Amino acid sequence: MDYPKAVLFDLDDTLYDHLHSARQGLIALSRRHPALLEVPIPVLEERYSQALEQLHLQMLSGDLTQTEARTRRMQQFFGSFQISLTDEVALAEHELFRYDSDQAFEFVQGAEEILRRLRELEMRMAIVTNNLVSEQLNKLKQLGIEGYFDVVAISEEIGVSKPDPEIFMITLERLGLQANDVVMVGDSLKSDILGAQAVGIRTVWLNRHSDSPAHLPPGIAVIDQDFSEHKQAILQILDHGREEAGHG
């Protein structure tokens, strides 16, 4: 296997800990609504995630505006607990949720060390992410890593979302590289890993929930939960035996 010339990273829940931020926002939200105080946090996360995934896709496809998606997301979330919200209240709740979430910006554990080490090794890097340009660029800025990447490919700007092959192919074109020149690192088995594999890109799956799929395709390197064992992660990503690659 050839030494890679670049590493492609997903952003949400690969570098930026979206799960942590959303959890803090939901905790604050439940404190504002006594009816939700007794609901276990995992249940709140599941209901919010369901609303997010469904309506986020409709926003990315252009079927809903950002404001409409945010409003309906909160209405669907609260509605799953038999709480009805007007459009105005739902949008206001989303703004409060976003404010609380944004106060909890942090890296997935070990991700910052990975990026710094790859930068020291002069490894080229790119972001391949689904979402709105403004939101994803803000996350990179908040994390202080906006200058780390040679290419930032965001679905809104590209016009398609992962796992569509086009977003990966455009990223490769902008890097001036071929599929076998790079490695893709991401937390979504479907969007990041299978999407990249479909165009011939090697992959490293950040298995944040220690899932055990019945049929995991061959050729996928797996890192469980986070990058805290960053020496091992770097070596997996680079597929290179230099012992010093893990130091620091």
C-alpha atoms as a PDB file:
ATOM      1  CA  MET A   1       0.000   0.000   0.000  1.00  0.00           C
ATOM      2  CA  ASP A   2       1.469   3.343  -1.078  1.00  0.00           C
ATOM      3  CA  TYR A   3       2.317   6.104   1.356  1.00  0.00           C
ATOM      4  CA  PRO A   4      -0.607   8.590   1.180  1.00  0.00           C
ATOM      5  CA  LYS A   5      -0.060  12.112  -0.052  1.00  0.00           C
ATOM      6  CA  ALA A   6      -3.073  13.603   1.748  1.00  0.00           C
ATOM      7  CA  VAL A   7      -5.608  12.822   4.466  1.00  0.00           C
ATOM      8  CA  LEU A   8      -9.278  13.740   4.024  1.00  0.00           C
ATOM      9  CA  PHE A   9     -11.270  14.394   7.193  1.00  0.00           C
ATOM     10  CA  ASP A  10     -14.963  14.585   7.903  1.00  0.00           C
ATOM     11  CA  LEU A  11     -15.706  17.448  10.319  1.00  0.00           C
ATOM     12  CA  ASP A  12     -18.732  16.759  12.543  1.00  0.00           C
ATOM     13  CA  ASP A  13     -18.025  14.069  15.141  1.00  0.00           C
ATOM     14  CA  THR A  14     -14.657  13.324  13.562  1.00  0.00           C
ATOM     15  CA  LEU A  15     -12.766  16.507  14.424  1.00  0.00           C
ATOM     16  CA  TYR A  16     -15.472  18.715  15.983  1.00  0.00           C
ATOM     17  CA  ASP A  17     -17.360  16.967  18.800  1.00  0.00           C
ATOM     18  CA  HIS A  18     -20.890  17.703  17.646  1.00  0.00           C
ATOM     19  CA  LEU A  19     -22.301  15.082  20.019  1.00  0.00           C
ATOM     20  CA  HIS A  20     -20.842  16.930  23.014  1.00  0.00           C
ATOM     21  CA  SER A  21     -22.110  20.323  21.858  1.00  0.00           C
ATOM     22  CA  ALA A  22     -25.599  19.032  21.115  1.00  0.00           C
ATOM     23  CA  ARG A  23     -25.741  17.267  24.477  1.00  0.00           C
ATOM     24  CA  GLN A  24     -24.956  20.497  26.327  1.00  0.00           C
ATOM     25  CA  GLY A  25     -27.605  22.332  24.327  1.00  0.00           C
ATOM     26  CA  LEU A  26     -30.193  19.664  25.132  1.00  0.00           C
ATOM     27  CA  ILE A  27     -29.342  19.698  28.823  1.00  0.00           C
ATOM     28  CA  ALA A  28     -29.879  23.457  28.922  1.00  0.00           C
ATOM     29  CA  LEU A  29     -33.099  23.090  26.906  1.00  0.00           C
ATOM     30  CA  SER A  30     -34.510  20.502  29.296  1.00  0.00           C
ATOM     31  CA  ARG A  31     -33.859  22.829  32.223  1.00  0.00           C
ATOM     32  CA  ARG A  32     -36.087  25.431  30.565  1.00  0.00           C
ATOM     33  CA  HIS A  33     -38.921  22.923  30.168  1.00  0.00           C
ATOM     34  CA  PRO A  34     -39.937  21.019  33.326  1.00  0.00           C
ATOM     35  CA  ALA A  35     -41.776  18.405  31.236  1.00  0.00           C
ATOM     36  CA  LEU A  36     -38.413  17.323  29.801  1.00  0.00           C
ATOM     37  CA  LEU A  37     -36.425  17.293  33.036  1.00  0.00           C
ATOM     38  CA  GLU A  38     -37.171  13.647  33.777  1.00  0.00           C
ATOM     39  CA  VAL A  39     -36.409  12.462  30.245  1.00  0.00           C
ATOM     40  CA  PRO A  40     -33.043  10.650  30.065  1.00  0.00           C
ATOM     41  CA  ILE A  41     -30.431  12.515  28.047  1.00  0.00           C
ATOM     42  CA  PRO A  42     -29.949   9.593  25.585  1.00  0.00           C
ATOM     43  CA  VAL A  43     -33.666   9.795  24.747  1.00  0.00           C
ATOM     44  CA  LEU A  44     -33.416  13.560  24.162  1.00  0.00           C
ATOM     45  CA  GLU A  45     -30.389  12.967  21.936  1.00  0.00           C
ATOM     46  CA  GLU A  46     -32.169  10.282  19.929  1.00  0.00           C
ATOM     47  CA  ARG A  47     -35.290  12.389  19.349  1.00  0.00           C
ATOM     48  CA  TYR A  48     -33.231  15.450  18.385  1.00  0.00           C
ATOM     49  CA  SER A  49     -31.020  13.400  16.081  1.00  0.00           C
ATOM     50  CA  GLN A  50     -34.071  11.984  14.293  1.00  0.00           C
ATOM     51  CA  ALA A  51     -35.478  15.460  13.693  1.00  0.00           C
ATOM     52  CA  LEU A  52     -32.077  16.808  12.657  1.00  0.00           C
ATOM     53  CA  GLU A  53     -31.347  14.109  10.096  1.00  0.00           C
ATOM     54  CA  GLN A  54     -34.722  14.276   8.395  1.00  0.00           C
ATOM     55  CA  LEU A  55     -35.022  18.040   8.152  1.00  0.00           C
ATOM     56  CA  HIS A  56     -31.334  18.709   7.523  1.00  0.00           C
ATOM     57  CA  LEU A  57     -31.503  16.680   4.303  1.00  0.00           C
ATOM     58  CA  GLN A  58     -34.534  18.684   3.194  1.00  0.00           C
ATOM     59  CA  MET A  59     -32.623  21.903   3.855  1.00  0.00           C
ATOM     60  CA  LEU A  60     -29.558  20.736   1.925  1.00  0.00           C
ATOM     61  CA  SER A  61     -31.749  19.719  -1.010  1.00  0.00           C
ATOM     62  CA  GLY A  62     -33.357  23.173  -1.049  1.00  0.00           C
ATOM     63  CA  ASP A  63     -36.825  21.957  -0.080  1.00  0.00           C
ATOM     64  CA  LEU A  64     -36.686  23.990   3.128  1.00  0.00           C
ATOM     65  CA  THR A  65     -34.990  27.261   4.003  1.00  0.00           C
ATOM     66  CA  GLN A  66     -32.618  27.276   6.947  1.00  0.00           C
ATOM     67  CA  THR A  67     -35.198  29.098   9.080  1.00  0.00           C
ATOM     68  CA  GLU A  68     -37.947  26.661   8.106  1.00  0.00           C
ATOM     69  CA  ALA A  69     -35.738  23.654   8.874  1.00  0.00           C
ATOM     70  CA  ARG A  70     -34.750  25.011  12.267  1.00  0.00           C
ATOM     71  CA  THR A  71     -38.344  25.838  13.151  1.00  0.00           C
ATOM     72  CA  ARG A  72     -39.706  22.459  12.123  1.00  0.00           C
ATOM     73  CA  ARG A  73     -36.816  20.652  13.806  1.00  0.00           C
ATOM     74  CA  MET A  74     -37.788  22.080  17.179  1.00  0.00           C
ATOM     75  CA  GLN A  75     -41.488  21.507  16.535  1.00  0.00           C
ATOM     76  CA  GLN A  76     -40.809  17.878  15.654  1.00  0.00           C
ATOM     77  CA  PHE A  77     -38.511  17.401  18.649  1.00  0.00           C
ATOM     78  CA  PHE A  78     -40.978  18.900  21.152  1.00  0.00           C
ATOM     79  CA  GLY A  79     -43.885  17.228  19.399  1.00  0.00           C
ATOM     80  CA  SER A  80     -42.327  13.835  20.091  1.00  0.00           C
ATOM     81  CA  PHE A  81     -42.974  14.651  23.770  1.00  0.00           C
ATOM     82  CA  GLN A  82     -46.517  15.909  23.065  1.00  0.00           C
ATOM     83  CA  ILE A  83     -45.477  19.559  23.395  1.00  0.00           C
ATOM     84  CA  SER A  84     -46.786  21.923  20.725  1.00  0.00           C
ATOM     85  CA  LEU A  85     -44.816  25.040  19.736  1.00  0.00           C
ATOM     86  CA  THR A  86     -45.774  27.937  17.495  1.00  0.00           C
ATOM     87  CA  ASP A  87     -43.339  28.860  14.715  1.00  0.00           C
ATOM     88  CA  GLU A  88     -42.077  31.869  16.675  1.00  0.00           C
ATOM     89  CA  VAL A  89     -41.480  29.921  19.885  1.00  0.00           C
ATOM     90  CA  ALA A  90     -39.867  27.023  18.014  1.00  0.00           C
ATOM     91  CA  LEU A  91     -37.408  29.321  16.256  1.00  0.00           C
ATOM     92  CA  ALA A  92     -36.611  31.103  19.510  1.00  0.00           C
ATOM     93  CA  GLU A  93     -35.983  27.747  21.191  1.00  0.00           C
ATOM     94  CA  HIS A  94     -33.617  26.784  18.392  1.00  0.00           C
ATOM     95  CA  GLU A  95     -31.663  30.006  18.800  1.00  0.00           C
ATOM     96  CA  LEU A  96     -31.285  29.343  22.535  1.00  0.00           C
ATOM     97  CA  PHE A  97     -30.280  25.754  21.818  1.00  0.00           C
ATOM     98  CA  ARG A  98     -27.663  26.907  19.297  1.00  0.00           C
ATOM     99  CA  TYR A  99     -26.278  29.483  21.726  1.00  0.00           C
ATOM    100  CA  ASP A 100     -25.873  26.876  24.474  1.00  0.00           C
ATOM    101  CA  SER A 101     -24.380  24.361  22.036  1.00  0.00           C
ATOM    102  CA  ASP A 102     -21.890  26.896  20.700  1.00  0.00           C
ATOM    103  CA  GLN A 103     -20.547  27.500  24.198  1.00  0.00           C
ATOM    104  CA  ALA A 104     -19.420  23.863  24.250  1.00  0.00           C
ATOM    105  CA  PHE A 105     -17.165  23.780  21.187  1.00  0.00           C
ATOM    106  CA  GLU A 106     -14.442  21.183  21.531  1.00  0.00           C
ATOM    107  CA  PHE A 107     -12.419  18.659  19.582  1.00  0.00           C
ATOM    108  CA  VAL A 108     -13.162  14.976  19.486  1.00  0.00           C
ATOM    109  CA  GLN A 109     -10.649  13.620  22.000  1.00  0.00           C
ATOM    110  CA  GLY A 110      -7.206  13.348  20.440  1.00  0.00           C
ATOM    111  CA  ALA A 111      -8.175  15.000  17.139  1.00  0.00           C
ATOM    112  CA  GLU A 112      -6.213  18.195  17.774  1.00  0.00           C
ATOM    113  CA  GLU A 113      -3.035  16.205  18.425  1.00  0.00           C
ATOM    114  CA  ILE A 114      -3.583  14.230  15.223  1.00  0.00           C
ATOM    115  CA  LEU A 115      -3.934  17.395  13.147  1.00  0.00           C
ATOM    116  CA  ARG A 116      -0.894  19.050  14.684  1.00  0.00           C
ATOM    117  CA  ARG A 117       1.229  15.965  14.136  1.00  0.00           C
ATOM    118  CA  LEU A 118       0.156  15.601  10.524  1.00  0.00           C
ATOM    119  CA  ARG A 119       0.926  19.271   9.994  1.00  0.00           C
ATOM    120  CA  GLU A 120       4.393  18.787  11.471  1.00  0.00           C
ATOM    121  CA  LEU A 121       4.876  15.935   9.023  1.00  0.00           C
ATOM    122  CA  GLU A 122       3.823  18.335   6.219  1.00  0.00           C
ATOM    123  CA  MET A 123       0.972  16.034   5.274  1.00  0.00           C
ATOM    124  CA  ARG A 124      -1.605  17.691   3.022  1.00  0.00           C
ATOM    125  CA  MET A 125      -5.112  17.686   4.491  1.00  0.00           C
ATOM    126  CA  ALA A 126      -8.651  18.363   3.325  1.00  0.00           C
ATOM    127  CA  ILE A 127     -12.116  18.618   4.867  1.00  0.00           C
ATOM    128  CA  VAL A 128     -15.018  16.801   3.194  1.00  0.00           C
ATOM    129  CA  THR A 129     -18.231  17.645   5.043  1.00  0.00           C
ATOM    130  CA  ASN A 130     -21.998  17.886   4.639  1.00  0.00           C
ATOM    131  CA  ASN A 131     -23.698  21.076   5.797  1.00  0.00           C
ATOM    132  CA  LEU A 132     -23.938  24.789   5.131  1.00  0.00           C
ATOM    133  CA  VAL A 133     -20.760  26.662   4.253  1.00  0.00           C
ATOM    134  CA  SER A 134     -21.263  29.306   6.948  1.00  0.00           C
ATOM    135  CA  GLU A 135     -21.791  26.731   9.698  1.00  0.00           C
ATOM    136  CA  GLN A 136     -18.836  24.537   8.790  1.00  0.00           C
ATOM    137  CA  LEU A 137     -16.390  27.396   8.297  1.00  0.00           C
ATOM    138  CA  ASN A 138     -17.459  28.782  11.675  1.00  0.00           C
ATOM    139  CA  LYS A 139     -16.660  25.428  13.315  1.00  0.00           C
ATOM    140  CA  LEU A 140     -13.187  25.397  11.767  1.00  0.00           C
ATOM    141  CA  LYS A 141     -12.655  28.954  12.993  1.00  0.00           C
ATOM    142  CA  GLN A 142     -13.926  28.187  16.502  1.00  0.00           C
ATOM    143  CA  LEU A 143     -11.561  25.221  16.706  1.00  0.00           C
ATOM    144  CA  GLY A 144      -8.686  27.353  15.401  1.00  0.00           C
ATOM    145  CA  ILE A 145      -7.864  25.030  12.503  1.00  0.00           C
ATOM    146  CA  GLU A 146      -9.180  26.935   9.483  1.00  0.00           C
ATOM    147  CA  GLY A 147      -5.620  27.301   8.149  1.00  0.00           C
ATOM    148  CA  TYR A 148      -4.747  23.614   8.384  1.00  0.00           C
ATOM    149  CA  PHE A 149      -6.423  22.447   5.192  1.00  0.00           C
ATOM    150  CA  ASP A 150      -5.448  22.675   1.533  1.00  0.00           C
ATOM    151  CA  VAL A 151      -9.045  22.055   0.456  1.00  0.00           C
ATOM    152  CA  VAL A 152     -12.370  22.484   2.272  1.00  0.00           C
ATOM    153  CA  ALA A 153     -15.206  20.773   0.379  1.00  0.00           C
ATOM    154  CA  ILE A 154     -18.652  21.531   1.841  1.00  0.00           C
ATOM    155  CA  SER A 155     -21.808  19.991   0.416  1.00  0.00           C
ATOM    156  CA  GLU A 156     -23.696  23.278   0.078  1.00  0.00           C
ATOM    157  CA  GLU A 157     -20.965  24.698  -2.147  1.00  0.00           C
ATOM    158  CA  ILE A 158     -20.278  21.452  -4.028  1.00  0.00           C
ATOM    159  CA  GLY A 159     -23.970  20.834  -4.713  1.00  0.00           C
ATOM    160  CA  VAL A 160     -24.086  17.221  -3.507  1.00  0.00           C
ATOM    161  CA  SER A 161     -23.695  15.532  -0.123  1.00  0.00           C
ATOM    162  CA  LYS A 162     -21.707  12.519   1.003  1.00  0.00           C
ATOM    163  CA  PRO A 163     -21.881   9.658   0.151  1.00  0.00           C
ATOM    164  CA  ASP A 164     -22.342  10.969  -3.407  1.00  0.00           C
ATOM    165  CA  PRO A 165     -19.088  10.180  -5.287  1.00  0.00           C
ATOM    166  CA  GLU A 166     -18.962  13.672  -6.783  1.00  0.00           C
ATOM    167  CA  ILE A 167     -17.982  15.410  -3.551  1.00  0.00           C
ATOM    168  CA  PHE A 168     -15.012  13.076  -3.170  1.00  0.00           C
ATOM    169  CA  MET A 169     -14.009  13.394  -6.824  1.00  0.00           C
ATOM    170  CA  ILE A 170     -14.121  17.204  -6.689  1.00  0.00           C
ATOM    171  CA  THR A 171     -11.977  17.136  -3.539  1.00  0.00           C
ATOM    172  CA  LEU A 172      -9.413  14.946  -5.313  1.00  0.00           C
ATOM    173  CA  GLU A 173      -9.463  17.247  -8.336  1.00  0.00           C
ATOM    174  CA  ARG A 174      -8.816  20.298  -6.160  1.00  0.00           C
ATOM    175  CA  LEU A 175      -5.951  18.505  -4.459  1.00  0.00           C
ATOM    176  CA  GLY A 176      -4.577  17.385  -7.821  1.00  0.00           C
ATOM    177  CA  LEU A 177      -4.454  13.790  -6.569  1.00  0.00           C
ATOM    178  CA  GLN A 178      -5.860  10.350  -7.427  1.00  0.00           C
ATOM    179  CA  ALA A 179      -8.038   8.176  -5.197  1.00  0.00           C
ATOM    180  CA  ASN A 180      -5.144   5.885  -4.265  1.00  0.00           C
ATOM    181  CA  ASP A 181      -3.113   8.913  -3.120  1.00  0.00           C
ATOM    182  CA  VAL A 182      -5.343   9.696  -0.129  1.00  0.00           C
ATOM    183  CA  VAL A 183      -6.989   8.303   3.013  1.00  0.00           C
ATOM    184  CA  MET A 184     -10.455   9.322   4.258  1.00  0.00           C
ATOM    185  CA  VAL A 185     -11.115   9.521   8.008  1.00  0.00           C
ATOM    186  CA  GLY A 186     -14.699   9.818   9.238  1.00  0.00           C
ATOM    187  CA  ASP A 187     -17.261   8.675  11.788  1.00  0.00           C
ATOM    188  CA  SER A 188     -20.135   7.817   9.429  1.00  0.00           C
ATOM    189  CA  LEU A 189     -19.844   4.334   7.995  1.00  0.00           C
ATOM    190  CA  LYS A 190     -22.331   5.159   5.231  1.00  0.00           C
ATOM    191  CA  SER A 191     -21.418   8.723   4.307  1.00  0.00           C
ATOM    192  CA  ASP A 192     -17.679   8.846   4.953  1.00  0.00           C
ATOM    193  CA  ILE A 193     -16.394   5.310   4.688  1.00  0.00           C
ATOM    194  CA  LEU A 194     -18.603   3.593   2.121  1.00  0.00           C
ATOM    195  CA  GLY A 195     -18.833   6.836   0.150  1.00  0.00           C
ATOM    196  CA  ALA A 196     -15.063   7.132  -0.086  1.00  0.00           C
ATOM    197  CA  GLN A 197     -14.557   3.443  -0.762  1.00  0.00           C
ATOM    198  CA  ALA A 198     -16.958   3.680  -3.702  1.00  0.00           C
ATOM    199  CA  VAL A 199     -14.443   5.867  -5.537  1.00  0.00           C
ATOM    200  CA  GLY A 200     -11.402   3.837  -4.504  1.00  0.00           C
ATOM    201  CA  ILE A 201     -10.229   5.862  -1.493  1.00  0.00           C
ATOM    202  CA  ARG A 202      -8.684   4.053   1.478  1.00  0.00           C
ATOM    203  CA  THR A 203     -10.557   4.634   4.716  1.00  0.00           C
ATOM    204  CA  VAL A 204     -10.214   4.865   8.477  1.00  0.00           C
ATOM    205  CA  TRP A 205     -13.514   4.579  10.351  1.00  0.00           C
ATOM    206  CA  LEU A 206     -13.723   6.479  13.642  1.00  0.00           C
ATOM    207  CA  ASN A 207     -16.245   4.157  15.287  1.00  0.00           C
ATOM    208  CA  ARG A 208     -17.462   6.541  17.970  1.00  0.00           C
ATOM    209  CA  HIS A 209     -20.149   4.245  19.339  1.00  0.00           C
ATOM    210  CA  SER A 210     -18.215   0.969  19.090  1.00  0.00           C
ATOM    211  CA  ASP A 211     -20.832  -0.318  16.645  1.00  0.00           C
ATOM    212  CA  SER A 212     -20.456  -3.833  15.278  1.00  0.00           C
ATOM    213  CA  PRO A 213     -22.042  -3.997  11.823  1.00  0.00           C
ATOM    214  CA  ALA A 214     -23.025  -7.474  10.666  1.00  0.00           C
ATOM    215  CA  HIS A 215     -21.117  -7.011   7.427  1.00  0.00           C
ATOM    216  CA  LEU A 216     -18.175  -4.604   7.604  1.00  0.00           C
ATOM    217  CA  PRO A 217     -16.615  -4.325   4.139  1.00  0.00           C
ATOM    218  CA  PRO A 218     -12.962  -5.384   3.911  1.00  0.00           C
ATOM    219  CA  GLY A 219     -10.118  -2.896   3.863  1.00  0.00           C
ATOM    220  CA  ILE A 220     -11.448  -0.522   6.534  1.00  0.00           C
ATOM    221  CA  ALA A 221      -9.077   0.441   9.349  1.00  0.00           C
ATOM    222  CA  VAL A 222     -11.052   1.048  12.549  1.00  0.00           C
ATOM    223  CA  ILE A 223     -10.369   3.390  15.481  1.00  0.00           C
ATOM    224  CA  ASP A 224     -12.776   2.951  18.397  1.00  0.00           C
ATOM    225  CA  GLN A 225     -14.486   5.942  20.049  1.00  0.00           C
ATOM    226  CA  ASP A 226     -11.856   8.680  19.667  1.00  0.00           C
ATOM    227  CA  PHE A 227      -8.243   9.522  18.814  1.00  0.00           C
ATOM    228  CA  SER A 228      -6.936   9.361  22.380  1.00  0.00           C
ATOM    229  CA  GLU A 229      -4.467   6.679  21.304  1.00  0.00           C
ATOM    230  CA  HIS A 230      -3.126   9.097  18.731  1.00  0.00           C
ATOM    231  CA  LYS A 231       0.128   7.284  18.066  1.00  0.00           C
ATOM    232  CA  GLN A 232      -1.784   4.264  16.829  1.00  0.00           C
ATOM    233  CA  ALA A 233      -4.223   6.460  14.922  1.00  0.00           C
ATOM    234  CA  ILE A 234      -1.475   8.342  13.092  1.00  0.00           C
ATOM    235  CA  LEU A 235       0.182   5.108  12.071  1.00  0.00           C
ATOM    236  CA  GLN A 236      -3.129   3.722  10.832  1.00  0.00           C
ATOM    237  CA  ILE A 237      -3.900   6.867   8.880  1.00  0.00           C
ATOM    238  CA  LEU A 238      -0.473   7.066   7.298  1.00  0.00           C
ATOM    239  CA  ASP A 239       0.008   3.323   6.890  1.00  0.00           C
ATOM    240  CA  HIS A 240       3.650   3.896   7.564  1.00  0.00           C
ATOM    241  CA  GLY A 241       6.019   2.169   9.923  1.00  0.00           C
ATOM    242  CA  ARG A 242       8.093   5.080  11.162  1.00  0.00           C
ATOM    243  CA  GLU A 243       8.069   4.831  14.947  1.00  0.00           C
ATOM    244  CA  GLU A 244       8.728   8.543  15.252  1.00  0.00           C
ATOM    245  CA  ALA A 245       5.460   9.362  13.492  1.00  0.00           C
ATOM    246  CA  GLY A 246       3.630   8.711  16.734  1.00  0.00           C
ATOM    247  CA  HIS A 247       5.837  10.767  19.036  1.00  0.00           C
ATOM    248  CA  GLY A 248       4.834  14.149  20.377  1.00  0.00           C
END
